[in-house]
């Protein structure tokens, strides 16, 4: 199974299975008012762990952002994704 991600507060995803099936959509990791700063990253890690383990992961590798907050959010989500892949020996690639 291939997992493809477009990282952000609203993360887009697509999962392609061996039989040609594709599941796709988006999920919001926006914190609620009063949530601690790390809540979005905690929610992202929980969501990743709820997925069937993919054989590989690809994600959009963003080289520039419109604002500082977008860059910080992307960097945090990317770091969690890479650590999650590394700890499970899942190959990954930014494209």
N, C-alpha and C. Protein backbone atom coordinates (compact mmCIF):
# COMPACT_ATOMS: atom_id res chain seq x y z
N UNK A 1 0.83 -1.18 0.00
CA UNK A 1 0.00 0.00 0.00
C UNK A 1 0.88 1.25 0.00
N UNK A 2 0.50 2.21 -0.78
CA UNK A 2 1.18 3.50 -0.85
C UNK A 2 0.33 4.53 -0.13
N UNK A 3 0.95 5.33 0.73
CA UNK A 3 0.29 6.45 1.39
C UNK A 3 0.90 7.73 0.85
N UNK A 4 0.06 8.59 0.28
CA UNK A 4 0.50 9.89 -0.24
C UNK A 4 -0.13 10.99 0.61
N UNK A 5 0.67 11.98 1.01
CA UNK A 5 0.19 13.03 1.90
C UNK A 5 0.53 14.42 1.37
N UNK A 6 -0.39 15.35 1.61
CA UNK A 6 -0.17 16.78 1.39
C UNK A 6 -0.31 17.39 2.78
N UNK A 7 0.83 17.61 3.45
CA UNK A 7 0.84 18.01 4.85
C UNK A 7 0.37 19.44 5.05
N UNK A 8 -0.41 19.65 6.08
CA UNK A 8 -0.88 20.98 6.45
C UNK A 8 -1.93 20.85 7.53
N UNK A 9 -2.44 22.00 7.98
CA UNK A 9 -3.51 21.96 8.97
C UNK A 9 -4.65 21.09 8.47
N UNK A 10 -4.98 21.22 7.19
CA UNK A 10 -5.92 20.29 6.55
C UNK A 10 -5.07 19.42 5.64
N UNK A 11 -4.77 18.22 6.10
CA UNK A 11 -3.89 17.29 5.39
C UNK A 11 -4.69 16.46 4.41
N UNK A 12 -4.26 16.48 3.16
CA UNK A 12 -4.85 15.63 2.15
C UNK A 12 -4.12 14.30 2.12
N UNK A 13 -4.87 13.24 1.84
CA UNK A 13 -4.25 11.92 1.81
C UNK A 13 -4.87 11.07 0.71
N UNK A 14 -4.11 10.11 0.25
CA UNK A 14 -4.59 9.07 -0.66
C UNK A 14 -3.85 7.80 -0.30
N UNK A 15 -4.60 6.71 -0.22
CA UNK A 15 -4.01 5.40 0.05
C UNK A 15 -4.38 4.49 -1.10
N UNK A 16 -3.36 3.98 -1.77
CA UNK A 16 -3.57 3.08 -2.90
C UNK A 16 -3.20 1.67 -2.48
N UNK A 17 -4.15 0.75 -2.62
CA UNK A 17 -3.92 -0.64 -2.27
C UNK A 17 -3.43 -1.45 -3.45
N UNK A 18 -3.02 -2.66 -3.20
CA UNK A 18 -2.51 -3.55 -4.25
C UNK A 18 -3.56 -3.90 -5.30
N UNK A 19 -4.81 -3.95 -4.90
CA UNK A 19 -5.88 -4.34 -5.82
C UNK A 19 -6.37 -3.16 -6.66
N UNK A 20 -5.67 -2.05 -6.58
CA UNK A 20 -6.07 -0.88 -7.36
C UNK A 20 -7.08 0.01 -6.68
N UNK A 21 -7.45 -0.32 -5.45
CA UNK A 21 -8.40 0.52 -4.71
C UNK A 21 -7.69 1.77 -4.19
N UNK A 22 -8.42 2.88 -4.17
CA UNK A 22 -7.88 4.14 -3.68
C UNK A 22 -8.86 4.74 -2.69
N UNK A 23 -8.35 5.10 -1.53
CA UNK A 23 -9.13 5.83 -0.53
C UNK A 23 -8.45 7.19 -0.40
N UNK A 24 -9.22 8.26 -0.49
CA UNK A 24 -8.63 9.59 -0.39
C UNK A 24 -9.56 10.53 0.34
N UNK A 25 -9.00 11.64 0.77
CA UNK A 25 -9.78 12.65 1.46
C UNK A 25 -8.86 13.64 2.14
N UNK A 26 -9.40 14.31 3.12
CA UNK A 26 -8.59 15.24 3.91
C UNK A 26 -9.07 15.19 5.35
N UNK A 27 -8.19 15.57 6.23
CA UNK A 27 -8.49 15.58 7.66
C UNK A 27 -7.88 16.84 8.26
N UNK A 28 -8.62 17.47 9.15
CA UNK A 28 -8.16 18.71 9.77
C UNK A 28 -7.47 18.42 11.09
N UNK A 29 -6.33 19.04 11.28
CA UNK A 29 -5.61 18.96 12.54
C UNK A 29 -5.57 20.33 13.22
N UNK A 30 -6.55 21.18 12.89
CA UNK A 30 -6.64 22.50 13.50
C UNK A 30 -6.96 22.35 14.99
N UNK A 31 -6.24 23.06 15.83
CA UNK A 31 -6.55 22.98 17.26
C UNK A 31 -7.83 23.75 17.58
N UNK A 32 -8.48 23.34 18.64
CA UNK A 32 -9.65 24.08 19.12
C UNK A 32 -9.16 25.22 20.01
N UNK A 33 -10.00 26.20 20.19
CA UNK A 33 -9.66 27.32 21.07
C UNK A 33 -9.28 26.79 22.45
N UNK A 34 -8.15 27.24 22.93
CA UNK A 34 -7.68 26.83 24.25
C UNK A 34 -6.82 25.58 24.26
N UNK A 35 -6.71 24.89 23.11
CA UNK A 35 -5.86 23.70 23.05
C UNK A 35 -4.39 24.11 23.19
N UNK A 36 -3.58 23.25 23.80
CA UNK A 36 -2.14 23.52 23.84
C UNK A 36 -1.55 23.51 22.43
N UNK A 37 -0.43 24.16 22.24
CA UNK A 37 0.19 24.29 20.91
C UNK A 37 0.51 22.95 20.26
N UNK A 38 0.81 21.95 21.07
CA UNK A 38 1.20 20.66 20.51
C UNK A 38 0.04 19.75 20.14
N UNK A 39 -1.18 20.18 20.38
CA UNK A 39 -2.33 19.29 20.16
C UNK A 39 -2.45 18.84 18.71
N UNK A 40 -2.22 19.74 17.75
CA UNK A 40 -2.36 19.35 16.34
C UNK A 40 -1.38 18.23 15.99
N UNK A 41 -0.18 18.28 16.55
CA UNK A 41 0.82 17.27 16.25
C UNK A 41 0.47 15.93 16.92
N UNK A 42 -0.08 16.03 18.10
CA UNK A 42 -0.54 14.83 18.81
C UNK A 42 -1.66 14.15 18.01
N UNK A 43 -2.61 14.95 17.52
CA UNK A 43 -3.72 14.41 16.72
C UNK A 43 -3.19 13.77 15.43
N UNK A 44 -2.18 14.38 14.81
CA UNK A 44 -1.59 13.85 13.59
C UNK A 44 -0.94 12.49 13.86
N UNK A 45 -0.19 12.38 14.95
CA UNK A 45 0.47 11.12 15.29
C UNK A 45 -0.56 10.02 15.55
N UNK A 46 -1.62 10.34 16.26
CA UNK A 46 -2.69 9.36 16.53
C UNK A 46 -3.33 8.91 15.22
N UNK A 47 -3.59 9.87 14.33
CA UNK A 47 -4.20 9.53 13.04
C UNK A 47 -3.29 8.61 12.23
N UNK A 48 -2.01 8.93 12.15
CA UNK A 48 -1.07 8.08 11.42
C UNK A 48 -1.10 6.65 11.98
N UNK A 49 -1.10 6.55 13.28
CA UNK A 49 -1.06 5.23 13.92
C UNK A 49 -2.35 4.45 13.74
N UNK A 50 -3.43 5.12 13.35
CA UNK A 50 -4.70 4.43 13.13
C UNK A 50 -4.80 3.83 11.72
N UNK A 51 -3.87 4.21 10.84
CA UNK A 51 -3.89 3.73 9.46
C UNK A 51 -3.27 2.34 9.35
N UNK A 52 -3.71 1.57 8.34
CA UNK A 52 -2.97 0.33 8.07
C UNK A 52 -1.54 0.71 7.66
N UNK A 53 -0.56 -0.08 8.07
CA UNK A 53 0.83 0.26 7.75
C UNK A 53 1.07 0.20 6.26
N UNK A 54 1.53 1.31 5.69
CA UNK A 54 1.83 1.32 4.26
C UNK A 54 3.18 0.67 3.98
N UNK A 55 3.38 0.31 2.71
CA UNK A 55 4.67 -0.21 2.27
C UNK A 55 5.65 0.93 2.03
N UNK A 56 5.10 2.09 1.70
CA UNK A 56 5.91 3.29 1.46
C UNK A 56 5.04 4.53 1.59
N UNK A 57 5.70 5.67 1.79
CA UNK A 57 5.02 6.95 1.98
C UNK A 57 5.66 7.98 1.07
N UNK A 58 4.83 8.77 0.41
CA UNK A 58 5.31 9.94 -0.33
C UNK A 58 4.55 11.15 0.19
N UNK A 59 5.20 12.29 0.15
CA UNK A 59 4.56 13.52 0.61
C UNK A 59 5.06 14.68 -0.22
N UNK A 60 4.22 15.71 -0.28
CA UNK A 60 4.62 16.91 -1.02
C UNK A 60 5.71 17.61 -0.22
N UNK A 61 6.86 17.78 -0.84
CA UNK A 61 7.97 18.45 -0.19
C UNK A 61 7.91 19.94 -0.56
N UNK A 62 7.51 20.73 0.38
CA UNK A 62 7.32 22.17 0.15
C UNK A 62 8.62 22.90 0.44
N UNK A 63 9.05 23.73 -0.48
CA UNK A 63 10.31 24.48 -0.33
C UNK A 63 10.10 25.91 0.13
N UNK A 64 8.87 26.41 0.05
CA UNK A 64 8.59 27.79 0.47
C UNK A 64 7.16 27.91 0.96
N UNK A 65 6.94 28.79 1.93
CA UNK A 65 5.62 29.00 2.51
C UNK A 65 5.28 30.48 2.48
N UNK A 66 3.99 30.76 2.48
CA UNK A 66 3.54 32.15 2.47
C UNK A 66 3.77 32.86 3.79
N UNK A 67 3.79 32.10 4.87
CA UNK A 67 3.95 32.73 6.18
C UNK A 67 4.71 31.86 7.15
N UNK A 68 5.11 32.46 8.24
CA UNK A 68 5.89 31.78 9.25
C UNK A 68 5.11 30.64 9.89
N UNK A 69 3.85 30.88 10.24
CA UNK A 69 3.05 29.85 10.90
C UNK A 69 2.88 28.62 10.00
N UNK A 70 2.63 28.84 8.72
CA UNK A 70 2.48 27.71 7.78
C UNK A 70 3.77 26.90 7.72
N UNK A 71 4.90 27.57 7.72
CA UNK A 71 6.19 26.87 7.68
C UNK A 71 6.41 26.07 8.95
N UNK A 72 6.05 26.64 10.10
CA UNK A 72 6.22 25.93 11.37
C UNK A 72 5.33 24.70 11.43
N UNK A 73 4.08 24.84 11.00
CA UNK A 73 3.15 23.71 11.02
C UNK A 73 3.64 22.61 10.09
N UNK A 74 4.02 22.97 8.87
CA UNK A 74 4.52 21.98 7.92
C UNK A 74 5.73 21.25 8.50
N UNK A 75 6.68 22.00 9.04
CA UNK A 75 7.89 21.40 9.59
C UNK A 75 7.59 20.43 10.73
N UNK A 76 6.65 20.80 11.58
CA UNK A 76 6.27 19.91 12.69
C UNK A 76 5.63 18.64 12.19
N UNK A 77 4.71 18.75 11.23
CA UNK A 77 4.05 17.57 10.68
C UNK A 77 5.04 16.68 9.93
N UNK A 78 5.94 17.31 9.18
CA UNK A 78 6.95 16.54 8.45
C UNK A 78 7.86 15.78 9.42
N UNK A 79 8.27 16.42 10.49
CA UNK A 79 9.14 15.76 11.47
C UNK A 79 8.44 14.55 12.09
N UNK A 80 7.18 14.69 12.43
CA UNK A 80 6.44 13.57 13.01
C UNK A 80 6.30 12.45 11.99
N UNK A 81 5.97 12.80 10.74
CA UNK A 81 5.83 11.80 9.69
C UNK A 81 7.14 11.03 9.49
N UNK A 82 8.25 11.73 9.39
CA UNK A 82 9.53 11.07 9.14
C UNK A 82 9.93 10.17 10.31
N UNK A 83 9.70 10.63 11.54
CA UNK A 83 10.00 9.82 12.71
C UNK A 83 9.11 8.58 12.74
N UNK A 84 7.83 8.76 12.40
CA UNK A 84 6.87 7.65 12.37
C UNK A 84 7.32 6.60 11.35
N UNK A 85 7.73 7.05 10.17
CA UNK A 85 8.22 6.13 9.13
C UNK A 85 9.50 5.43 9.57
N UNK A 86 10.45 6.19 10.09
CA UNK A 86 11.73 5.62 10.52
C UNK A 86 11.53 4.56 11.59
N UNK A 87 10.65 4.82 12.56
CA UNK A 87 10.47 3.88 13.66
C UNK A 87 9.76 2.60 13.22
N UNK A 88 9.17 2.61 12.00
CA UNK A 88 8.49 1.44 11.48
C UNK A 88 9.19 0.87 10.24
N UNK A 89 10.35 1.42 9.92
CA UNK A 89 11.13 1.00 8.73
C UNK A 89 10.31 1.10 7.45
N UNK A 90 9.54 2.18 7.33
CA UNK A 90 8.74 2.43 6.14
C UNK A 90 9.51 3.41 5.26
N UNK A 91 9.82 3.04 4.02
CA UNK A 91 10.50 3.98 3.13
C UNK A 91 9.60 5.19 2.83
N UNK A 92 10.23 6.36 2.76
CA UNK A 92 9.48 7.59 2.48
C UNK A 92 10.26 8.46 1.52
N UNK A 93 9.53 9.36 0.88
CA UNK A 93 10.17 10.26 -0.09
C UNK A 93 9.34 11.52 -0.25
N UNK A 94 9.99 12.66 -0.18
CA UNK A 94 9.34 13.93 -0.49
C UNK A 94 9.42 14.17 -1.98
N UNK A 95 8.33 14.59 -2.57
CA UNK A 95 8.32 14.85 -4.02
C UNK A 95 7.73 16.21 -4.31
